[in-house]
Protein backbone atom coordinates (compact mmCIF):
# COMPACT_ATOMS: atom_id res chain seq x y z
CA MET A 1 7.39 -6.43 26.56
CA ARG A 2 10.45 -7.35 24.48
CA LEU A 3 10.26 -8.01 20.77
CA ASN A 4 12.66 -8.90 17.99
CA LEU A 5 11.61 -7.09 14.81
CA GLN A 6 12.87 -7.75 11.29
CA ALA A 7 11.88 -5.28 8.56
CA PRO A 8 13.36 -3.09 5.82
CA ILE A 9 13.53 0.71 6.13
CA ASN A 10 13.18 2.59 2.84
CA GLN A 11 10.66 4.53 0.73
CA LEU A 12 9.03 1.43 -0.76
CA GLY A 13 5.91 -0.13 0.73
CA TYR A 14 7.55 -2.60 3.09
CA GLY A 15 10.05 0.05 4.16
CA VAL A 16 7.41 2.66 4.97
CA ALA A 17 5.51 0.08 7.00
CA GLY A 18 8.72 -1.00 8.72
CA ILE A 19 9.77 2.42 10.02
CA ASN A 20 6.28 3.43 11.10
CA ILE A 21 5.64 0.18 12.94
CA LEU A 22 9.06 0.38 14.63
CA LYS A 23 8.36 3.92 15.87
CA ALA A 24 4.81 3.12 16.97
CA LEU A 25 5.92 0.05 18.94
CA GLN A 26 8.63 2.08 20.68
CA GLN A 27 6.06 4.76 21.54
CA GLU A 28 3.84 2.06 23.05
CA GLY A 29 6.67 1.10 25.40
CA VAL A 30 7.78 -2.09 23.65
CA GLU A 31 11.51 -2.80 23.98
CA VAL A 32 12.19 -3.48 20.31
CA SER A 33 15.40 -5.15 19.18
CA PHE A 34 15.53 -4.12 15.55
CA PHE A 35 17.25 -6.21 12.88
CA PRO A 36 17.03 -4.35 9.55
CA ILE A 37 16.54 -6.22 6.29
CA GLY A 38 19.01 -4.50 3.99
CA GLN A 39 20.61 -1.13 4.64
CA PRO A 40 18.20 1.27 6.39
CA GLN A 41 17.43 4.38 4.34
CA VAL A 42 16.13 7.15 6.59
CA THR A 43 15.12 10.64 5.50
CA ASN A 44 14.81 12.51 8.81
CA GLN A 45 16.33 12.62 12.27
CA THR A 46 13.30 11.14 14.04
CA ASP A 47 13.45 8.01 11.90
CA ALA A 48 17.23 7.80 12.30
CA ASP A 49 16.89 7.97 16.09
CA ALA A 50 14.26 5.21 16.11
CA VAL A 51 16.42 2.92 13.97
CA ARG A 52 19.52 3.62 16.06
CA LYS A 53 17.64 2.93 19.28
CA GLY A 54 16.31 -0.36 17.93
CA MET A 55 19.70 -1.50 16.67
CA VAL A 56 21.41 -0.60 19.95
CA THR A 57 18.76 -2.60 21.83
CA ALA A 58 19.44 -5.51 19.45
CA GLN A 59 22.98 -5.78 20.80
CA THR A 60 21.50 -7.34 23.94
CA PHE A 61 18.41 -8.93 22.36
CA ASP A 62 16.37 -11.56 24.17
CA SER A 63 16.66 -14.77 22.15
CA THR A 64 13.44 -16.09 23.72
CA ALA A 65 11.34 -13.03 22.87
CA PRO A 66 8.81 -13.19 20.02
CA CYS A 67 10.10 -12.35 16.56
CA VAL A 68 7.99 -10.49 13.97
CA LYS A 69 9.25 -10.43 10.40
CA ILE A 70 7.66 -7.90 8.03
CA TRP A 71 8.71 -9.25 4.67
CA HIS A 72 7.84 -11.24 1.56
CA GLN A 73 5.95 -14.51 1.90
CA ASN A 74 8.69 -16.42 0.05
CA GLN A 75 11.47 -15.24 2.40
CA MET A 76 10.32 -16.29 5.86
CA ALA A 77 12.80 -19.05 6.68
CA GLU A 78 15.34 -16.87 8.51
CA ARG A 79 14.34 -15.44 11.87
CA ILE A 80 15.81 -14.05 15.08
CA GLY A 81 16.03 -16.11 18.27
CA SER A 82 13.99 -19.09 19.40
CA GLY A 83 10.79 -17.39 20.60
CA LYS A 84 7.43 -17.43 18.88
CA PHE A 85 7.90 -16.52 15.22
CA ILE A 86 5.23 -14.37 13.55
CA GLY A 87 5.43 -13.64 9.84
CA PHE A 88 3.89 -10.42 8.54
CA PRO A 89 3.75 -10.76 4.73
CA ILE A 90 2.04 -8.26 2.40
CA PHE A 91 0.81 -10.03 -0.74
CA GLU A 92 -1.43 -9.25 -3.72
CA LEU A 93 -2.69 -12.58 -5.11
CA ASP A 94 -5.20 -15.15 -3.87
CA THR A 95 -2.90 -18.19 -4.12
CA PHE A 96 0.49 -19.16 -2.70
CA ASN A 97 2.91 -21.34 -4.63
CA GLU A 98 4.72 -24.23 -2.97
CA LEU A 99 7.80 -22.13 -2.15
CA GLU A 100 5.66 -19.49 -0.45
CA LYS A 101 3.67 -22.10 1.47
CA ASN A 102 6.87 -23.72 2.67
CA HIS A 103 8.22 -20.42 3.97
CA LEU A 104 4.93 -19.36 5.57
CA GLN A 105 4.58 -22.69 7.34
CA SER A 106 7.90 -22.03 9.07
CA CYS A 107 6.03 -19.36 11.07
CA ASN A 108 4.17 -20.14 14.27
CA GLU A 109 1.60 -17.46 13.46
CA LEU A 110 0.86 -14.86 10.80
CA MET A 111 -0.21 -11.24 10.84
CA VAL A 112 -1.86 -9.84 7.71
CA CYS A 113 -3.16 -6.40 6.75
CA SER A 114 -6.75 -7.19 5.84
CA LYS A 115 -9.67 -9.56 6.10
CA TRP A 116 -9.16 -10.24 2.40
CA ALA A 117 -5.61 -11.42 3.14
CA LYS A 118 -6.78 -13.61 6.03
CA ASP A 119 -9.31 -15.25 3.71
CA VAL A 120 -6.47 -15.95 1.27
CA VAL A 121 -4.41 -17.60 4.02
CA ASP A 122 -7.38 -19.65 5.18
CA SER A 123 -8.31 -20.72 1.63
CA ASN A 124 -4.76 -21.91 1.03
CA THR A 125 -5.13 -24.22 4.07
CA LEU A 126 -1.90 -23.19 5.77
CA PHE A 127 -3.34 -24.14 9.19
CA CYS A 128 -1.52 -21.17 10.70
CA PRO A 129 -3.21 -18.91 13.28
CA THR A 130 -3.70 -15.60 11.47
CA THR A 131 -4.57 -12.19 12.91
CA VAL A 132 -5.66 -9.13 10.94
CA VAL A 133 -3.41 -6.18 11.80
CA PRO A 134 -4.27 -3.25 9.50
CA LEU A 135 -1.52 -0.87 8.47
CA GLY A 136 -1.85 2.87 8.99
CA VAL A 137 -1.17 6.43 7.95
CA ASP A 138 0.67 9.23 9.72
CA ALA A 139 -1.98 11.91 10.27
CA GLU A 140 0.67 14.51 11.09
CA LEU A 141 2.43 13.95 7.77
CA PHE A 142 -0.84 13.72 5.80
CA PRO A 143 -3.25 16.28 7.31
CA PRO A 144 -6.41 17.33 5.44
CA ALA A 145 -5.62 19.77 2.65
CA PRO A 146 -8.02 22.36 1.20
CA ALA A 147 -9.96 21.33 -1.90
CA ARG A 148 -8.85 22.97 -5.12
CA GLN A 149 -11.35 25.50 -6.47
CA ASP A 150 -10.35 26.29 -10.08
CA ASP A 151 -12.02 24.77 -13.14
CA LYS A 152 -9.27 22.24 -13.84
CA THR A 153 -9.45 18.68 -12.47
CA ILE A 154 -6.16 17.02 -11.54
CA PHE A 155 -6.24 13.24 -11.20
CA PHE A 156 -3.29 11.52 -9.54
CA ASN A 157 -1.80 8.04 -9.42
CA CYS A 158 1.10 6.94 -7.25
CA GLY A 159 2.63 3.48 -7.47
CA LYS A 160 5.50 2.00 -9.47
CA TRP A 161 4.77 1.20 -13.15
CA GLU A 162 3.04 -2.18 -13.26
CA ILE A 163 0.20 -3.92 -15.05
CA ARG A 164 -0.93 -4.99 -11.57
CA LYS A 165 -1.49 -1.32 -10.74
CA GLY A 166 -3.76 -0.93 -13.77
CA HIS A 167 -1.44 1.48 -15.52
CA ASP A 168 -2.15 -0.21 -18.83
CA ILE A 169 -5.81 0.92 -18.73
CA LEU A 170 -5.82 4.11 -16.65
CA ILE A 171 -4.65 6.19 -19.61
CA ASN A 172 -7.62 4.95 -21.68
CA ALA A 173 -10.14 6.03 -19.05
CA PHE A 174 -8.43 9.41 -18.73
CA LYS A 175 -8.54 10.00 -22.48
CA LYS A 176 -12.30 9.33 -22.39
CA VAL A 177 -12.59 12.07 -19.77
CA LEU A 178 -10.83 14.46 -22.13
CA GLU A 179 -13.02 13.35 -25.03
CA HIS A 180 -16.01 14.35 -22.91
CA GLY A 181 -14.63 17.87 -23.04
CA GLU A 182 -13.33 18.13 -19.49
CA ASN A 183 -10.42 20.37 -18.51
CA ALA A 184 -8.32 17.72 -16.80
CA GLU A 185 -4.77 16.58 -16.13
CA LEU A 186 -3.37 13.26 -14.97
CA TRP A 187 -0.29 13.30 -12.73
CA MET A 188 1.66 10.02 -12.59
CA MET A 189 4.30 9.46 -9.89
CA CYS A 190 5.22 5.94 -10.92
CA THR A 191 8.99 5.53 -11.17
CA ASN A 192 9.82 1.83 -10.88
CA PRO A 193 13.43 1.22 -9.76
CA PHE A 194 13.10 -2.44 -10.74
CA ASN A 195 12.30 -1.73 -14.40
CA SER A 196 14.86 -1.63 -17.15
CA PRO A 197 15.32 1.65 -19.07
CA GLU A 198 13.49 0.02 -21.98
CA GLU A 199 10.53 -0.95 -19.81
CA ASN A 200 10.26 2.53 -18.34
CA ALA A 201 10.48 4.02 -21.83
CA LYS A 202 7.47 1.96 -22.92
CA TRP A 203 5.41 3.26 -20.01
CA HIS A 204 6.49 6.82 -20.69
CA GLN A 205 5.50 6.44 -24.33
CA LEU A 206 2.09 5.08 -23.35
CA TYR A 207 1.53 8.18 -21.21
CA ASN A 208 3.03 10.62 -23.67
CA HIS A 209 0.16 13.10 -23.76
CA PRO A 210 0.04 16.89 -23.28
CA ASN A 211 -2.43 16.51 -20.38
CA VAL A 212 -0.29 13.94 -18.55
CA LYS A 213 2.46 14.98 -16.14
CA LEU A 214 5.14 12.42 -15.18
CA ILE A 215 6.52 13.18 -11.72
CA PRO A 216 9.81 11.73 -10.40
CA ARG A 217 9.57 9.52 -7.35
CA ALA A 218 9.43 11.56 -4.14
CA GLU A 219 12.34 11.05 -1.78
CA THR A 220 10.36 11.62 1.44
CA GLN A 221 6.84 11.21 2.75
CA ALA A 222 6.67 14.98 3.18
CA GLU A 223 7.30 15.36 -0.56
CA VAL A 224 4.57 12.81 -1.30
CA TYR A 225 2.09 14.86 0.74
CA ASN A 226 3.15 18.07 -0.98
CA ILE A 227 2.18 16.55 -4.34
CA MET A 228 -1.04 14.98 -3.05
CA SER A 229 -2.15 18.33 -1.60
CA GLN A 230 -2.04 19.85 -5.10
CA VAL A 231 -4.42 17.39 -6.80
CA ASP A 232 -8.16 16.73 -6.76
CA CYS A 233 -8.66 12.98 -6.92
CA GLY A 234 -6.53 9.84 -6.64
CA VAL A 235 -7.23 7.06 -9.15
CA PHE A 236 -6.08 3.51 -8.32
CA PRO A 237 -7.42 0.93 -10.82
CA SER A 238 -5.34 -1.86 -9.31
CA ARG A 239 -5.86 -5.55 -10.07
CA GLY A 240 -4.46 -6.52 -6.70
CA GLU A 241 -2.98 -4.81 -3.63
CA GLY A 242 -1.32 -5.93 -0.44
CA TRP A 243 -2.53 -2.72 1.23
CA ASN A 244 -2.12 0.44 -0.94
CA LEU A 245 -0.52 2.99 1.38
CA GLU A 246 -0.89 5.85 -1.09
CA LEU A 247 -4.65 5.36 -1.35
CA LEU A 248 -5.09 5.71 2.42
CA GLU A 249 -2.71 8.68 2.46
CA MET A 250 -4.89 10.40 -0.14
CA MET A 251 -7.92 9.86 2.08
CA ALA A 252 -6.08 11.28 5.09
CA ALA A 253 -5.28 14.36 3.00
CA GLY A 254 -9.00 14.80 2.34
CA LYS A 255 -8.77 13.91 -1.32
CA HIS A 256 -11.43 11.90 -3.12
CA VAL A 257 -10.36 8.55 -4.54
CA VAL A 258 -11.43 6.05 -7.18
CA ALA A 259 -10.32 2.44 -6.75
CA THR A 260 -11.17 -1.11 -7.71
CA ASP A 261 -13.48 -2.88 -5.27
CA TYR A 262 -11.05 -5.76 -4.76
CA SER A 263 -8.18 -7.03 -2.59
CA ALA A 264 -6.62 -5.55 0.54
CA HIS A 265 -7.72 -1.93 0.22
CA THR A 266 -11.31 -3.09 0.68
CA GLU A 267 -10.29 -3.05 4.36
CA PHE A 268 -10.71 0.74 4.30
CA CYS A 269 -12.45 1.61 1.00
CA THR A 270 -16.24 1.89 1.16
CA LYS A 271 -18.93 3.37 -1.08
CA GLU A 272 -19.03 6.34 1.33
CA ASN A 273 -15.34 7.29 1.06
CA ALA A 274 -14.41 6.09 -2.45
CA GLY A 275 -15.68 5.68 -5.97
CA LEU A 276 -15.53 1.91 -6.28
CA VAL A 277 -15.04 0.26 -9.65
CA SER A 278 -17.08 -2.96 -9.66
CA ILE A 279 -15.12 -6.18 -10.12
CA SER A 280 -17.19 -9.18 -11.17
CA ASP A 281 -14.49 -11.75 -11.84
CA VAL A 282 -10.84 -12.67 -11.40
CA GLU A 283 -8.31 -14.00 -13.87
CA PRO A 284 -4.83 -15.58 -13.71
CA ALA A 285 -2.30 -12.94 -12.72
CA PHE A 286 0.16 -12.60 -15.58
CA ASP A 287 2.38 -9.73 -16.66
CA GLY A 288 5.42 -11.62 -17.92
CA LYS A 289 7.70 -9.94 -15.37
CA TRP A 290 6.52 -10.46 -11.79
CA PHE A 291 3.46 -12.65 -12.18
CA PHE A 292 3.14 -15.82 -14.24
CA GLY A 293 -0.30 -17.15 -13.45
CA GLN A 294 0.34 -18.67 -10.02
CA GLY A 295 -2.79 -17.02 -8.61
CA ASN A 296 -5.58 -14.65 -9.53
CA TRP A 297 -6.18 -10.93 -9.52
CA ALA A 298 -9.12 -8.71 -10.53
CA LYS A 299 -10.18 -9.03 -14.14
CA ILE A 300 -10.36 -5.63 -15.81
CA GLY A 301 -12.02 -5.68 -19.21
CA ALA A 302 -13.97 -3.20 -21.29
CA HIS A 303 -16.83 -3.03 -18.76
CA GLU A 304 -14.51 -2.27 -15.83
CA GLU A 305 -12.57 0.27 -17.88
CA MET A 306 -15.84 2.05 -18.71
CA ASP A 307 -16.85 1.96 -15.04
CA LEU A 308 -13.50 3.55 -14.16
CA TYR A 309 -14.15 6.36 -16.64
CA MET A 310 -17.67 6.84 -15.24
CA LYS A 311 -16.38 7.01 -11.66
CA MET A 312 -13.84 9.67 -12.72
CA MET A 313 -16.62 11.64 -14.42
CA LYS A 314 -18.88 11.24 -11.39
CA PHE A 315 -16.16 12.81 -9.25
CA ILE A 316 -15.94 15.82 -11.59
CA LEU A 317 -19.71 16.30 -11.76
CA ASP A 318 -20.61 15.61 -8.12
CA LYS A 319 -17.63 16.11 -5.81
CA LYS A 320 -15.02 18.38 -7.36
CA GLY A 321 -14.18 21.28 -5.06
CA THR A 322 -15.14 19.34 -1.94
CA VAL A 323 -13.15 17.59 0.78
CA ASN A 324 -13.47 13.83 1.25
CA GLN A 325 -14.66 14.04 4.85
CA ALA A 326 -15.59 10.36 4.95
CA GLY A 327 -12.05 9.52 3.84
CA ILE A 328 -10.55 11.71 6.56
CA GLU A 329 -12.67 10.00 9.22
CA THR A 330 -11.67 6.58 7.88
CA ALA A 331 -7.97 7.45 7.89
CA ARG A 332 -8.19 8.54 11.53
CA THR A 333 -9.10 4.99 12.51
CA PHE A 334 -6.12 3.53 10.63
CA SER A 335 -3.21 5.05 12.55
CA TRP A 336 0.19 3.43 13.02
CA GLN A 337 -0.47 3.52 16.76
CA ASN A 338 -3.50 1.33 16.14
CA THR A 339 -1.27 -1.02 14.13
CA ALA A 340 1.16 -1.28 17.04
CA ARG A 341 -1.60 -1.86 19.57
CA GLU A 342 -3.14 -4.63 17.47
CA MET A 343 0.28 -6.24 17.17
CA ILE A 344 0.76 -6.07 20.94
CA LYS A 345 -2.65 -7.69 21.49
CA CYS A 346 -1.66 -10.51 19.19
CA LEU A 347 1.73 -10.98 20.89
CA LYS A 348 0.11 -11.18 24.33
CA LYS A 349 -2.25 -14.01 23.36
């Protein structure tokens, strides 16, 4: 099988998905002509070899082969060749604006990460055949780590500073944990390269607390795992996610997690492998920077914030010092090889 693939390669979400899908497709025997979106940023020789192989193959690409574009829903107009065009957007809201609809309707088909995302496509009446192709985790890079055994609890959040990520309320729930008398720390690896210095300063001030540790953004996936292996529990009070790679990586590492019961990560979060914060309603998505009310995300009010605190306390009281075996088993089913195989099934239809 020949395939034209468009995707970025970097340490952001789309870029991590891009390199792992490229490698997995090559391992499955697909002749991938790779057309990078932006300048590829690789951090190891294996990734560099995969990118080079794909770009060399692209020099003699088949213009009639299918084209898969892993990119934003409002940037789907440009494609490679004249074959079947499949868009693979990763989005966080339940509504598309007219620009996004116009771009998505330029695709012959769509691939999306989750059943939640497919429901969004269907509810927006795009009339575009849509297949669920879950993303994955590299089990070799994120193997199960031993549970920590001392009396301190280290909570962890990874994801660039955003209201969408629930960073405005996570600190409140953590302070309640401390008020309960717990010996706890909160590690935040949330550098946002798209924020101004003033915006980042506001987030840093909000989290200016002796029990909070701000960690610079990791340059490699290996560095991400090294940090995850040192904590007890990941906390992800997100209002909306397109997938949430870090949450699944935490599960693969055997760490317990707390997350909102909403959006794309419901594809792999269950009551058995996660502490789920109940979401009873949605509200217009607005943060004044990226979202201006075009669609909805999870509504997080006082009740949800209290539930977040209670789920963090429940972890300390019931599960601290244990491995999240259910999370490990879940992560094993969400490999990048599975992603590639589901893509191939879709392309062969």
